[in-house]
Amino acid sequence: MAEATNGQKAIELNRAFKPDLICLDITMPGIDGIDTLKVLKQDHPEATVVMVTGHSNRKDIEAAVEAGASGYIVKPINVGRTLQTVQKILENRPNQKVNN
């Protein structure tokens, strides 16, 4: 597991670790979440990216999905609901197996 505080660091960590799941905010210093998402998916298309953000407007949701996000969780975070959402997203990945 790794954590980035900005878009550039997220891109670097994605290239280094090739994670299966990435949780990404839209509002970040430097490169915003949507532009970061585009690079993440270009570098590692198999990654499942879930947007976790305070932005709930339709434009941001559509931009995230268009850029390759597999799901969208709006803050404030409810841990139980977040885990259920991520589990559903992981279960619905094509040709992927979720280990519990």
C-alpha atoms as a PDB file:
ATOM      1  CA  MET A   1       0.000   0.000   0.000  1.00  0.00           C
ATOM      2  CA  ALA A   2       1.209   3.496  -0.816  1.00  0.00           C
ATOM      3  CA  GLU A   3      -0.159   7.002  -0.365  1.00  0.00           C
ATOM      4  CA  ALA A   4       0.382  10.096  -2.481  1.00  0.00           C
ATOM      5  CA  THR A   5      -0.356  13.682  -1.500  1.00  0.00           C
ATOM      6  CA  ASN A   6      -0.486  15.008  -5.056  1.00  0.00           C
ATOM      7  CA  GLY A   7      -1.117  13.901  -8.624  1.00  0.00           C
ATOM      8  CA  GLN A   8       2.532  13.697  -9.659  1.00  0.00           C
ATOM      9  CA  LYS A   9       3.367  11.418  -6.714  1.00  0.00           C
ATOM     10  CA  ALA A  10       0.339   9.232  -7.542  1.00  0.00           C
ATOM     11  CA  ILE A  11       1.629   8.833 -11.093  1.00  0.00           C
ATOM     12  CA  GLU A  12       5.107   7.915  -9.822  1.00  0.00           C
ATOM     13  CA  LEU A  13       3.722   5.377  -7.340  1.00  0.00           C
ATOM     14  CA  ASN A  14       1.458   3.878 -10.004  1.00  0.00           C
ATOM     15  CA  ARG A  15       4.453   3.367 -12.292  1.00  0.00           C
ATOM     16  CA  ALA A  16       6.509   1.833  -9.475  1.00  0.00           C
ATOM     17  CA  PHE A  17       3.895  -0.482  -7.927  1.00  0.00           C
ATOM     18  CA  LYS A  18       1.246  -1.127 -10.628  1.00  0.00           C
ATOM     19  CA  PRO A  19      -1.536  -1.444  -8.013  1.00  0.00           C
ATOM     20  CA  ASP A  20      -4.800  -3.279  -8.646  1.00  0.00           C
ATOM     21  CA  LEU A  21      -6.851  -0.593  -6.873  1.00  0.00           C
ATOM     22  CA  ILE A  22      -6.292   3.158  -6.671  1.00  0.00           C
ATOM     23  CA  CYS A  23      -8.423   5.561  -4.625  1.00  0.00           C
ATOM     24  CA  LEU A  24      -8.080   9.077  -5.976  1.00  0.00           C
ATOM     25  CA  ASP A  25      -9.443  12.508  -5.062  1.00  0.00           C
ATOM     26  CA  ILE A  26     -10.343  15.142  -7.652  1.00  0.00           C
ATOM     27  CA  THR A  27      -8.906  18.074  -5.704  1.00  0.00           C
ATOM     28  CA  MET A  28      -5.151  17.697  -5.274  1.00  0.00           C
ATOM     29  CA  PRO A  29      -2.198  20.057  -5.415  1.00  0.00           C
ATOM     30  CA  GLY A  30      -0.532  20.294  -8.812  1.00  0.00           C
ATOM     31  CA  ILE A  31      -2.199  17.931 -11.265  1.00  0.00           C
ATOM     32  CA  ASP A  32      -5.910  17.543 -10.479  1.00  0.00           C
ATOM     33  CA  GLY A  33      -7.526  14.140 -10.021  1.00  0.00           C
ATOM     34  CA  ILE A  34      -9.109  13.917 -13.471  1.00  0.00           C
ATOM     35  CA  ASP A  35      -5.835  14.636 -15.281  1.00  0.00           C
ATOM     36  CA  THR A  36      -4.014  12.291 -12.900  1.00  0.00           C
ATOM     37  CA  LEU A  37      -6.585   9.593 -13.618  1.00  0.00           C
ATOM     38  CA  LYS A  38      -5.997   9.921 -17.353  1.00  0.00           C
ATOM     39  CA  VAL A  39      -2.259   9.361 -16.918  1.00  0.00           C
ATOM     40  CA  LEU A  40      -2.782   6.496 -14.463  1.00  0.00           C
ATOM     41  CA  LYS A  41      -5.059   4.683 -16.904  1.00  0.00           C
ATOM     42  CA  GLN A  42      -2.726   5.376 -19.832  1.00  0.00           C
ATOM     43  CA  ASP A  43       0.240   3.939 -17.898  1.00  0.00           C
ATOM     44  CA  HIS A  44      -1.644   1.073 -16.253  1.00  0.00           C
ATOM     45  CA  PRO A  45      -5.018   0.430 -17.939  1.00  0.00           C
ATOM     46  CA  GLU A  46      -5.755  -2.637 -15.791  1.00  0.00           C
ATOM     47  CA  ALA A  47      -5.838  -0.568 -12.596  1.00  0.00           C
ATOM     48  CA  THR A  48      -9.224  -0.081 -10.995  1.00  0.00           C
ATOM     49  CA  VAL A  49      -9.593   3.557  -9.969  1.00  0.00           C
ATOM     50  CA  VAL A  50     -12.227   4.708  -7.498  1.00  0.00           C
ATOM     51  CA  MET A  51     -12.729   8.422  -7.051  1.00  0.00           C
ATOM     52  CA  VAL A  52     -13.157   9.364  -3.383  1.00  0.00           C
ATOM     53  CA  THR A  53     -14.040  13.032  -3.241  1.00  0.00           C
ATOM     54  CA  GLY A  54     -16.218  15.821  -1.948  1.00  0.00           C
ATOM     55  CA  HIS A  55     -17.261  16.706  -5.509  1.00  0.00           C
ATOM     56  CA  SER A  56     -20.704  15.337  -6.257  1.00  0.00           C
ATOM     57  CA  ASN A  57     -21.697  17.397  -9.271  1.00  0.00           C
ATOM     58  CA  ARG A  58     -22.656  15.576 -12.441  1.00  0.00           C
ATOM     59  CA  LYS A  59     -19.924  17.192 -14.555  1.00  0.00           C
ATOM     60  CA  ASP A  60     -17.137  15.874 -12.286  1.00  0.00           C
ATOM     61  CA  ILE A  61     -18.683  12.396 -12.092  1.00  0.00           C
ATOM     62  CA  GLU A  62     -19.047  12.197 -15.876  1.00  0.00           C
ATOM     63  CA  ALA A  63     -15.481  13.463 -16.393  1.00  0.00           C
ATOM     64  CA  ALA A  64     -14.122  10.847 -13.980  1.00  0.00           C
ATOM     65  CA  VAL A  65     -16.034   7.983 -15.591  1.00  0.00           C
ATOM     66  CA  GLU A  66     -15.043   9.168 -19.069  1.00  0.00           C
ATOM     67  CA  ALA A  67     -11.388   9.268 -17.952  1.00  0.00           C
ATOM     68  CA  GLY A  68     -11.594   5.675 -16.729  1.00  0.00           C
ATOM     69  CA  ALA A  69     -12.848   5.696 -13.140  1.00  0.00           C
ATOM     70  CA  SER A  70     -14.628   2.502 -12.152  1.00  0.00           C
ATOM     71  CA  GLY A  71     -16.582   4.114  -9.334  1.00  0.00           C
ATOM     72  CA  TYR A  72     -17.205   7.245  -7.325  1.00  0.00           C
ATOM     73  CA  ILE A  73     -17.531   7.668  -3.547  1.00  0.00           C
ATOM     74  CA  VAL A  74     -18.626  11.043  -2.171  1.00  0.00           C
ATOM     75  CA  LYS A  75     -17.297  12.356   1.152  1.00  0.00           C
ATOM     76  CA  PRO A  76     -17.964  12.305   4.030  1.00  0.00           C
ATOM     77  CA  ILE A  77     -16.862   8.688   4.109  1.00  0.00           C
ATOM     78  CA  ASN A  78     -19.041   5.991   5.615  1.00  0.00           C
ATOM     79  CA  VAL A  79     -16.652   3.092   6.136  1.00  0.00           C
ATOM     80  CA  GLY A  80     -19.223   0.327   5.701  1.00  0.00           C
ATOM     81  CA  ARG A  81     -20.692   1.814   2.557  1.00  0.00           C
ATOM     82  CA  THR A  82     -17.231   2.527   1.142  1.00  0.00           C
ATOM     83  CA  LEU A  83     -16.135  -1.085   1.672  1.00  0.00           C
ATOM     84  CA  GLN A  84     -19.319  -2.350   0.014  1.00  0.00           C
ATOM     85  CA  THR A  85     -18.825  -0.039  -2.959  1.00  0.00           C
ATOM     86  CA  VAL A  86     -15.196  -1.031  -3.447  1.00  0.00           C
ATOM     87  CA  GLN A  87     -16.081  -4.732  -3.096  1.00  0.00           C
ATOM     88  CA  LYS A  88     -18.771  -4.400  -5.793  1.00  0.00           C
ATOM     89  CA  ILE A  89     -16.380  -2.585  -8.113  1.00  0.00           C
ATOM     90  CA  LEU A  90     -13.721  -5.237  -7.646  1.00  0.00           C
ATOM     91  CA  GLU A  91     -16.210  -8.069  -8.177  1.00  0.00           C
ATOM     92  CA  ASN A  92     -17.379  -6.508 -11.439  1.00  0.00           C
ATOM     93  CA  ARG A  93     -13.928  -6.210 -13.003  1.00  0.00           C
ATOM     94  CA  PRO A  94     -13.697  -8.366 -16.109  1.00  0.00           C
ATOM     95  CA  ASN A  95     -11.575 -11.500 -15.678  1.00  0.00           C
ATOM     96  CA  GLN A  96     -10.605 -10.563 -12.145  1.00  0.00           C
ATOM     97  CA  LYS A  97     -10.859 -12.587  -8.968  1.00  0.00           C
ATOM     98  CA  VAL A  98     -11.382 -10.893  -5.609  1.00  0.00           C
ATOM     99  CA  ASN A  99      -9.572 -12.488  -2.680  1.00  0.00           C
ATOM    100  CA  ASN A 100     -11.315 -12.062   0.667  1.00  0.00           C
END
